[in-house]
N, C-alpha and C. Protein backbone atom coordinates (compact mmCIF):
# COMPACT_ATOMS: atom_id res chain seq x y z
N MET A 1 -66.17 101.52 13.40
CA MET A 1 -64.85 101.07 13.80
C MET A 1 -64.35 100.01 12.83
N ALA A 2 -63.06 99.93 12.71
CA ALA A 2 -62.42 99.00 11.78
C ALA A 2 -62.08 97.69 12.47
N PHE A 3 -61.87 96.67 11.65
CA PHE A 3 -61.47 95.35 12.16
C PHE A 3 -59.97 95.16 11.92
N TYR A 4 -59.30 94.56 12.90
CA TYR A 4 -57.87 94.31 12.81
C TYR A 4 -57.56 92.91 13.32
N GLU A 5 -56.51 92.31 12.77
CA GLU A 5 -55.94 91.08 13.32
C GLU A 5 -54.53 91.42 13.77
N ASN A 6 -54.22 91.08 15.00
CA ASN A 6 -52.90 91.35 15.56
C ASN A 6 -52.31 90.04 16.05
N VAL A 7 -51.07 89.76 15.65
CA VAL A 7 -50.34 88.61 16.14
C VAL A 7 -49.07 89.13 16.78
N PHE A 8 -48.81 88.70 18.00
CA PHE A 8 -47.54 89.08 18.61
C PHE A 8 -46.84 87.84 19.13
N ILE A 9 -45.51 87.94 19.19
CA ILE A 9 -44.65 86.85 19.66
C ILE A 9 -43.98 87.32 20.94
N ALA A 10 -44.15 86.55 22.00
CA ALA A 10 -43.52 86.86 23.28
C ALA A 10 -42.30 85.96 23.48
N ARG A 11 -41.38 86.40 24.32
CA ARG A 11 -40.14 85.66 24.56
C ARG A 11 -40.44 84.26 25.10
N GLN A 12 -39.50 83.34 24.85
CA GLN A 12 -39.65 81.96 25.31
C GLN A 12 -39.46 81.83 26.82
N ASP A 13 -38.80 82.82 27.44
CA ASP A 13 -38.51 82.74 28.88
C ASP A 13 -39.73 82.96 29.75
N VAL A 14 -40.75 83.64 29.24
CA VAL A 14 -41.94 83.91 30.05
C VAL A 14 -42.86 82.69 30.02
N SER A 15 -43.64 82.53 31.06
CA SER A 15 -44.55 81.38 31.13
C SER A 15 -45.83 81.68 30.35
N ALA A 16 -46.62 80.66 30.14
CA ALA A 16 -47.88 80.81 29.40
C ALA A 16 -48.86 81.71 30.16
N THR A 17 -48.83 81.65 31.50
CA THR A 17 -49.72 82.52 32.28
C THR A 17 -49.28 83.98 32.17
N GLN A 18 -47.98 84.22 32.07
CA GLN A 18 -47.51 85.59 31.89
C GLN A 18 -47.87 86.11 30.49
N VAL A 19 -47.84 85.24 29.51
CA VAL A 19 -48.25 85.63 28.17
C VAL A 19 -49.74 85.96 28.16
N ASP A 20 -50.54 85.18 28.88
CA ASP A 20 -51.97 85.46 29.00
C ASP A 20 -52.20 86.81 29.68
N ALA A 21 -51.42 87.10 30.71
CA ALA A 21 -51.53 88.39 31.39
C ALA A 21 -51.13 89.53 30.45
N LEU A 22 -50.14 89.29 29.62
CA LEU A 22 -49.70 90.28 28.65
C LEU A 22 -50.81 90.57 27.63
N ALA A 23 -51.46 89.51 27.16
CA ALA A 23 -52.57 89.67 26.22
C ALA A 23 -53.74 90.39 26.88
N ASP A 24 -53.98 90.11 28.17
CA ASP A 24 -55.04 90.81 28.90
C ASP A 24 -54.71 92.30 29.05
N ALA A 25 -53.43 92.63 29.23
CA ALA A 25 -53.03 94.03 29.33
C ALA A 25 -53.29 94.75 28.01
N PHE A 26 -52.99 94.09 26.88
CA PHE A 26 -53.25 94.70 25.58
C PHE A 26 -54.75 94.82 25.33
N THR A 27 -55.52 93.84 25.81
CA THR A 27 -56.97 93.90 25.71
C THR A 27 -57.52 95.09 26.50
N ALA A 28 -56.96 95.33 27.67
CA ALA A 28 -57.39 96.46 28.50
C ALA A 28 -57.08 97.79 27.81
N ILE A 29 -55.96 97.88 27.12
CA ILE A 29 -55.60 99.11 26.40
C ILE A 29 -56.62 99.36 25.28
N ILE A 30 -56.98 98.31 24.57
CA ILE A 30 -57.97 98.45 23.49
C ILE A 30 -59.31 98.88 24.08
N ALA A 31 -59.73 98.25 25.17
CA ALA A 31 -61.02 98.59 25.79
C ALA A 31 -61.02 100.01 26.33
N ALA A 32 -59.91 100.47 26.88
CA ALA A 32 -59.83 101.82 27.44
C ALA A 32 -59.92 102.88 26.34
N ASN A 33 -59.56 102.53 25.14
CA ASN A 33 -59.60 103.49 24.03
C ASN A 33 -60.81 103.30 23.13
N GLY A 34 -61.82 102.59 23.60
CA GLY A 34 -63.09 102.50 22.89
C GLY A 34 -63.23 101.33 21.94
N GLY A 35 -62.38 100.35 22.02
CA GLY A 35 -62.48 99.18 21.15
C GLY A 35 -62.83 97.93 21.91
N SER A 36 -62.84 96.82 21.22
CA SER A 36 -63.10 95.53 21.87
C SER A 36 -62.30 94.44 21.18
N VAL A 37 -61.99 93.41 21.96
CA VAL A 37 -61.29 92.24 21.43
C VAL A 37 -62.34 91.16 21.21
N LYS A 38 -62.51 90.76 19.96
CA LYS A 38 -63.53 89.77 19.62
C LYS A 38 -63.06 88.34 19.85
N LYS A 39 -61.75 88.10 19.67
CA LYS A 39 -61.23 86.75 19.85
C LYS A 39 -59.78 86.84 20.27
N LYS A 40 -59.40 85.96 21.19
CA LYS A 40 -58.01 85.86 21.63
C LYS A 40 -57.62 84.39 21.58
N GLU A 41 -56.56 84.07 20.82
CA GLU A 41 -56.10 82.69 20.70
C GLU A 41 -54.63 82.61 21.07
N TYR A 42 -54.32 81.67 21.92
CA TYR A 42 -52.93 81.37 22.26
C TYR A 42 -52.51 80.20 21.41
N TRP A 43 -51.54 80.42 20.50
CA TRP A 43 -51.10 79.39 19.58
C TRP A 43 -50.01 78.51 20.15
N GLY A 44 -49.46 78.88 21.29
CA GLY A 44 -48.47 78.04 21.93
C GLY A 44 -47.04 78.48 21.68
N LEU A 45 -46.12 77.72 22.28
CA LEU A 45 -44.69 77.96 22.13
C LEU A 45 -44.24 77.28 20.85
N ARG A 46 -43.80 78.08 19.88
CA ARG A 46 -43.44 77.56 18.56
C ARG A 46 -42.01 77.96 18.23
N THR A 47 -41.36 77.15 17.40
CA THR A 47 -40.00 77.42 16.98
C THR A 47 -40.01 78.55 15.95
N LEU A 48 -39.10 79.50 16.11
CA LEU A 48 -38.97 80.61 15.18
C LEU A 48 -38.14 80.17 13.97
N THR A 49 -38.36 80.79 12.85
CA THR A 49 -37.61 80.48 11.64
C THR A 49 -36.15 80.89 11.80
N TYR A 50 -35.92 82.01 12.44
CA TYR A 50 -34.56 82.49 12.71
C TYR A 50 -34.55 83.11 14.10
N ARG A 51 -33.38 83.26 14.66
CA ARG A 51 -33.26 83.78 16.01
C ARG A 51 -33.62 85.26 16.05
N ILE A 52 -34.39 85.64 17.05
CA ILE A 52 -34.76 87.03 17.29
C ILE A 52 -34.31 87.37 18.70
N ARG A 53 -33.39 88.30 18.82
CA ARG A 53 -32.85 88.71 20.12
C ARG A 53 -32.44 87.50 20.97
N LYS A 54 -31.70 86.61 20.38
CA LYS A 54 -31.15 85.41 21.00
C LYS A 54 -32.22 84.39 21.43
N ASN A 55 -33.42 84.49 20.90
CA ASN A 55 -34.50 83.55 21.20
C ASN A 55 -34.73 82.65 20.00
N ARG A 56 -34.84 81.35 20.25
CA ARG A 56 -35.11 80.39 19.19
C ARG A 56 -36.59 79.99 19.15
N LYS A 57 -37.33 80.28 20.21
CA LYS A 57 -38.75 79.96 20.29
C LYS A 57 -39.51 81.18 20.76
N GLY A 58 -40.83 81.15 20.58
CA GLY A 58 -41.66 82.25 21.03
C GLY A 58 -43.09 81.81 21.25
N HIS A 59 -43.77 82.52 22.13
CA HIS A 59 -45.20 82.29 22.40
C HIS A 59 -45.99 83.16 21.42
N TYR A 60 -46.84 82.53 20.61
CA TYR A 60 -47.64 83.24 19.62
C TYR A 60 -49.05 83.47 20.16
N VAL A 61 -49.58 84.70 19.95
CA VAL A 61 -50.93 85.04 20.38
C VAL A 61 -51.60 85.83 19.26
N LEU A 62 -52.85 85.48 18.94
CA LEU A 62 -53.65 86.19 17.96
C LEU A 62 -54.75 86.96 18.67
N LEU A 63 -54.94 88.23 18.29
CA LEU A 63 -56.03 89.05 18.80
C LEU A 63 -56.85 89.56 17.62
N ASN A 64 -58.15 89.31 17.60
CA ASN A 64 -59.06 89.91 16.61
C ASN A 64 -59.70 91.11 17.27
N LEU A 65 -59.53 92.28 16.66
CA LEU A 65 -59.93 93.53 17.28
C LEU A 65 -60.99 94.24 16.45
N GLU A 66 -61.88 94.92 17.14
CA GLU A 66 -62.76 95.91 16.54
C GLU A 66 -62.51 97.18 17.31
N ALA A 67 -61.75 98.08 16.70
CA ALA A 67 -61.27 99.24 17.46
C ALA A 67 -60.97 100.40 16.53
N PRO A 68 -60.97 101.62 17.09
CA PRO A 68 -60.51 102.76 16.29
C PRO A 68 -58.99 102.70 16.12
N SER A 69 -58.49 103.42 15.14
CA SER A 69 -57.06 103.35 14.85
C SER A 69 -56.21 103.88 15.99
N ALA A 70 -56.74 104.83 16.77
CA ALA A 70 -55.98 105.37 17.90
C ALA A 70 -55.72 104.30 18.95
N ALA A 71 -56.69 103.42 19.16
CA ALA A 71 -56.53 102.33 20.13
C ALA A 71 -55.46 101.35 19.66
N VAL A 72 -55.45 101.06 18.37
CA VAL A 72 -54.46 100.13 17.82
C VAL A 72 -53.06 100.75 17.91
N LEU A 73 -52.95 102.03 17.61
CA LEU A 73 -51.65 102.71 17.71
C LEU A 73 -51.13 102.70 19.15
N GLU A 74 -52.01 102.90 20.12
CA GLU A 74 -51.60 102.87 21.52
C GLU A 74 -51.15 101.47 21.93
N MET A 75 -51.87 100.44 21.47
CA MET A 75 -51.49 99.07 21.78
C MET A 75 -50.12 98.75 21.16
N GLU A 76 -49.89 99.15 19.93
CA GLU A 76 -48.61 98.91 19.27
C GLU A 76 -47.48 99.67 19.97
N ARG A 77 -47.76 100.87 20.45
CA ARG A 77 -46.75 101.62 21.19
C ARG A 77 -46.34 100.87 22.45
N ASN A 78 -47.31 100.30 23.16
CA ASN A 78 -47.01 99.51 24.35
C ASN A 78 -46.28 98.22 24.02
N MET A 79 -46.56 97.64 22.86
CA MET A 79 -45.84 96.44 22.44
C MET A 79 -44.38 96.75 22.15
N ARG A 80 -44.12 97.93 21.57
CA ARG A 80 -42.73 98.33 21.30
C ARG A 80 -41.96 98.54 22.59
N ILE A 81 -42.63 99.08 23.60
CA ILE A 81 -41.98 99.36 24.88
C ILE A 81 -41.71 98.09 25.67
N ASN A 82 -42.63 97.13 25.60
CA ASN A 82 -42.54 95.92 26.42
C ASN A 82 -41.39 95.04 25.93
N GLU A 83 -40.50 94.69 26.84
CA GLU A 83 -39.33 93.88 26.47
C GLU A 83 -39.67 92.41 26.24
N ASP A 84 -40.83 91.96 26.68
CA ASP A 84 -41.22 90.56 26.48
C ASP A 84 -41.77 90.30 25.08
N VAL A 85 -42.14 91.33 24.36
CA VAL A 85 -42.68 91.18 23.00
C VAL A 85 -41.53 91.25 22.01
N LEU A 86 -41.33 90.15 21.27
CA LEU A 86 -40.27 90.10 20.27
C LEU A 86 -40.69 90.77 18.96
N ARG A 87 -41.85 90.41 18.46
CA ARG A 87 -42.37 90.94 17.21
C ARG A 87 -43.89 91.05 17.32
N TYR A 88 -44.45 91.95 16.51
CA TYR A 88 -45.90 92.04 16.40
C TYR A 88 -46.25 92.45 14.98
N LEU A 89 -47.46 92.11 14.56
CA LEU A 89 -47.95 92.49 13.24
C LEU A 89 -49.44 92.73 13.37
N THR A 90 -49.87 93.91 12.91
CA THR A 90 -51.29 94.26 12.91
C THR A 90 -51.72 94.50 11.47
N VAL A 91 -52.81 93.86 11.08
CA VAL A 91 -53.33 93.98 9.72
C VAL A 91 -54.80 94.35 9.79
N ARG A 92 -55.17 95.34 8.99
CA ARG A 92 -56.59 95.70 8.91
C ARG A 92 -57.28 94.75 7.95
N VAL A 93 -58.43 94.21 8.35
CA VAL A 93 -59.18 93.25 7.53
C VAL A 93 -60.60 93.76 7.33
N GLU A 94 -61.26 93.23 6.31
CA GLU A 94 -62.64 93.63 6.02
C GLU A 94 -63.61 93.03 7.04
N THR A 95 -63.45 91.73 7.33
CA THR A 95 -64.31 91.07 8.31
C THR A 95 -63.43 90.17 9.17
N LEU A 96 -63.90 89.88 10.35
CA LEU A 96 -63.18 88.98 11.25
C LEU A 96 -63.66 87.55 11.03
N GLU A 97 -62.75 86.61 11.11
CA GLU A 97 -63.09 85.20 10.94
C GLU A 97 -63.85 84.69 12.15
N GLU A 98 -64.88 83.94 11.89
CA GLU A 98 -65.60 83.27 12.97
C GLU A 98 -64.99 81.90 13.18
N GLY A 99 -65.00 81.42 14.38
CA GLY A 99 -64.45 80.09 14.67
C GLY A 99 -62.95 80.14 14.80
N PRO A 100 -62.32 78.96 14.90
CA PRO A 100 -60.87 78.92 15.11
C PRO A 100 -60.10 79.34 13.86
N SER A 101 -58.93 79.91 14.09
CA SER A 101 -58.08 80.31 12.98
C SER A 101 -57.44 79.08 12.34
N ALA A 102 -56.72 79.29 11.26
CA ALA A 102 -56.08 78.18 10.56
C ALA A 102 -55.05 77.49 11.44
N MET A 103 -54.42 78.22 12.33
CA MET A 103 -53.41 77.63 13.22
C MET A 103 -54.04 76.73 14.28
N MET A 104 -55.28 76.99 14.63
CA MET A 104 -55.93 76.23 15.69
C MET A 104 -56.76 75.06 15.18
N GLN A 105 -56.97 74.97 13.88
CA GLN A 105 -57.74 73.86 13.35
C GLN A 105 -56.94 72.58 13.54
N SER A 106 -57.64 71.52 13.87
CA SER A 106 -56.93 70.26 14.08
C SER A 106 -56.42 69.73 12.75
N LYS A 107 -55.34 68.99 12.81
CA LYS A 107 -54.72 68.46 11.60
C LYS A 107 -55.67 67.52 10.88
N SER A 108 -56.49 66.80 11.60
CA SER A 108 -57.39 65.86 10.96
C SER A 108 -58.44 66.58 10.12
N SER A 109 -58.86 67.77 10.53
CA SER A 109 -59.86 68.48 9.74
C SER A 109 -59.25 69.06 8.48
N ARG A 110 -57.93 69.32 8.47
CA ARG A 110 -57.28 69.81 7.27
C ARG A 110 -56.93 68.68 6.31
N ASP A 111 -56.86 67.45 6.79
CA ASP A 111 -56.46 66.33 5.95
C ASP A 111 -57.63 65.57 5.35
N ASP A 112 -58.84 66.08 5.46
CA ASP A 112 -59.97 65.36 4.91
C ASP A 112 -60.21 65.73 3.44
N ARG A 113 -59.16 66.13 2.75
CA ARG A 113 -59.28 66.55 1.36
C ARG A 113 -59.09 65.40 0.39
N GLY A 114 -58.83 64.22 0.84
CA GLY A 114 -58.70 63.11 -0.07
C GLY A 114 -57.68 62.10 0.41
N PRO A 115 -57.68 60.93 -0.21
CA PRO A 115 -56.75 59.88 0.22
C PRO A 115 -55.31 60.24 -0.13
N ARG A 116 -54.39 59.70 0.63
CA ARG A 116 -52.97 59.94 0.41
C ARG A 116 -52.27 58.60 0.24
N ASP A 117 -51.19 58.61 -0.52
CA ASP A 117 -50.43 57.38 -0.68
C ASP A 117 -49.48 57.21 0.51
N ASP A 118 -48.64 56.17 0.46
CA ASP A 118 -47.78 55.86 1.61
C ASP A 118 -46.71 56.92 1.86
N ARG A 119 -46.45 57.80 0.89
CA ARG A 119 -45.47 58.86 1.09
C ARG A 119 -46.10 60.15 1.61
N GLY A 120 -47.42 60.19 1.72
CA GLY A 120 -48.11 61.37 2.20
C GLY A 120 -48.64 62.28 1.12
N PHE A 121 -48.50 61.89 -0.15
CA PHE A 121 -49.00 62.70 -1.25
C PHE A 121 -50.42 62.30 -1.58
N ARG A 122 -51.22 63.28 -2.00
CA ARG A 122 -52.57 62.97 -2.41
C ARG A 122 -52.56 62.30 -3.76
N ASP A 123 -53.30 61.21 -3.89
CA ASP A 123 -53.39 60.50 -5.16
C ASP A 123 -54.75 60.81 -5.76
N ASP A 124 -54.85 61.95 -6.46
CA ASP A 124 -56.12 62.35 -7.03
C ASP A 124 -56.11 62.24 -8.56
N ARG A 125 -55.26 61.34 -9.08
CA ARG A 125 -55.16 61.19 -10.52
C ARG A 125 -56.24 60.27 -11.08
N GLY A 126 -56.97 59.62 -10.26
CA GLY A 126 -58.03 58.76 -10.75
C GLY A 126 -57.56 57.34 -10.93
N PRO A 127 -58.45 56.46 -11.44
CA PRO A 127 -58.08 55.06 -11.65
C PRO A 127 -57.02 54.92 -12.73
N ARG A 128 -56.37 53.79 -12.73
CA ARG A 128 -55.24 53.56 -13.62
C ARG A 128 -55.66 53.63 -15.10
N GLU A 129 -56.87 53.22 -15.42
CA GLU A 129 -57.31 53.22 -16.80
C GLU A 129 -57.42 54.65 -17.35
N ASP A 130 -57.64 55.63 -16.48
CA ASP A 130 -57.82 57.01 -16.93
C ASP A 130 -56.50 57.76 -17.06
N ARG A 131 -55.42 57.18 -16.62
CA ARG A 131 -54.13 57.87 -16.66
C ARG A 131 -53.59 57.87 -18.08
N PRO A 132 -52.70 58.78 -18.40
CA PRO A 132 -52.12 58.82 -19.75
C PRO A 132 -51.37 57.52 -20.05
N ARG A 133 -51.43 57.11 -21.30
CA ARG A 133 -50.78 55.88 -21.73
C ARG A 133 -49.30 56.12 -21.98
N ARG A 134 -48.47 55.17 -21.55
CA ARG A 134 -47.03 55.24 -21.83
C ARG A 134 -46.71 54.23 -22.92
N ARG A 135 -45.87 54.61 -23.81
CA ARG A 135 -45.49 53.70 -24.88
C ARG A 135 -44.09 53.18 -24.62
N ASP A 136 -43.89 51.91 -24.94
CA ASP A 136 -42.57 51.31 -24.84
C ASP A 136 -41.74 51.84 -26.00
N SER A 137 -40.60 52.41 -25.71
CA SER A 137 -39.81 53.07 -26.74
C SER A 137 -39.27 52.09 -27.78
N GLU A 138 -39.03 50.85 -27.39
CA GLU A 138 -38.45 49.89 -28.34
C GLU A 138 -39.49 49.33 -29.28
N SER A 139 -40.56 48.79 -28.76
CA SER A 139 -41.54 48.13 -29.62
C SER A 139 -42.65 49.06 -30.06
N GLY A 140 -42.84 50.19 -29.37
CA GLY A 140 -43.89 51.13 -29.74
C GLY A 140 -45.26 50.74 -29.23
N GLU A 141 -45.37 49.62 -28.52
CA GLU A 141 -46.68 49.21 -28.03
C GLU A 141 -47.00 49.93 -26.72
N ASN A 142 -48.25 49.96 -26.41
CA ASN A 142 -48.73 50.64 -25.22
C ASN A 142 -48.40 49.77 -24.00
N ARG A 143 -47.54 50.27 -23.11
CA ARG A 143 -47.08 49.47 -21.97
C ARG A 143 -48.20 49.21 -20.97
N VAL A 144 -49.08 50.18 -20.77
CA VAL A 144 -50.16 50.01 -19.79
C VAL A 144 -51.11 48.92 -20.27
N GLU A 145 -51.48 48.94 -21.56
CA GLU A 145 -52.37 47.91 -22.08
C GLU A 145 -51.71 46.55 -22.02
N ALA A 146 -50.38 46.48 -22.29
CA ALA A 146 -49.67 45.21 -22.21
C ALA A 146 -49.64 44.70 -20.79
N ASP A 147 -49.43 45.60 -19.83
CA ASP A 147 -49.43 45.20 -18.42
C ASP A 147 -50.80 44.70 -18.00
N MET A 148 -51.86 45.36 -18.43
CA MET A 148 -53.21 44.93 -18.07
C MET A 148 -53.53 43.58 -18.69
N ALA A 149 -53.09 43.38 -19.93
CA ALA A 149 -53.34 42.10 -20.60
C ALA A 149 -52.56 40.99 -19.90
N ALA A 150 -51.36 41.28 -19.42
CA ALA A 150 -50.56 40.28 -18.71
C ALA A 150 -51.22 39.90 -17.39
N GLU A 151 -51.85 40.87 -16.75
CA GLU A 151 -52.55 40.60 -15.48
C GLU A 151 -53.75 39.67 -15.71
N LYS A 152 -54.44 39.84 -16.84
CA LYS A 152 -55.61 39.03 -17.14
C LYS A 152 -55.23 37.66 -17.70
N GLY A 153 -54.01 37.55 -18.17
CA GLY A 153 -53.57 36.29 -18.74
C GLY A 153 -53.70 36.23 -20.23
N ASP A 154 -53.98 37.35 -20.91
CA ASP A 154 -54.11 37.41 -22.35
C ASP A 154 -52.79 37.78 -22.99
N VAL A 155 -51.76 37.03 -22.74
CA VAL A 155 -50.45 37.33 -23.29
C VAL A 155 -50.42 36.85 -24.74
N SER A 156 -50.05 37.73 -25.66
CA SER A 156 -50.02 37.33 -27.07
C SER A 156 -48.64 37.34 -27.64
C-alpha cells in the first residue's frame, strides 16, 4: 500500500467537534476500503489567504494515510460531495513523517537556530573583527580600524 498525506479545510461555521467527526468519517471510509490512518492532526481555525465560498477562515486537518488508491479516491469523492469541506489536497509520499508536523511544532523549537537582533533577524555574521572592512571614501582609511582605535583611546 502507498503512503499519502491529505489536508482538508472545513468551513469556519462548523465547530471543532464537528470537524473532528468529519475527520472520523473520512477515517472510516479509508478503513472500510482496506487502509489505515497513521496520524490525524487538527491544525485549528486559521485565516485563509483569500476568500473561498465567502469564508475568510477555515479549520485545517492533516491525515497521514497508508491506503490503496481506491480508498483515497473514495475519500476524495466524499470530500467533493460534503458541503463543509472547502478544499482538500492529497499527495503521495515515499514515507510518512514521525512526530508532529511542521505546523504543530512549537515556535520555540523552530527558533533555536541562533541568536536574533532586536528586529528579529538572525545575526550570524560573526564578531565585528571578522566582518568586511569599510573604507572612508574621503581619507581612504579603514573606518572599522579607526573606530576600534578610538574606542581604545589610540587616536592618532
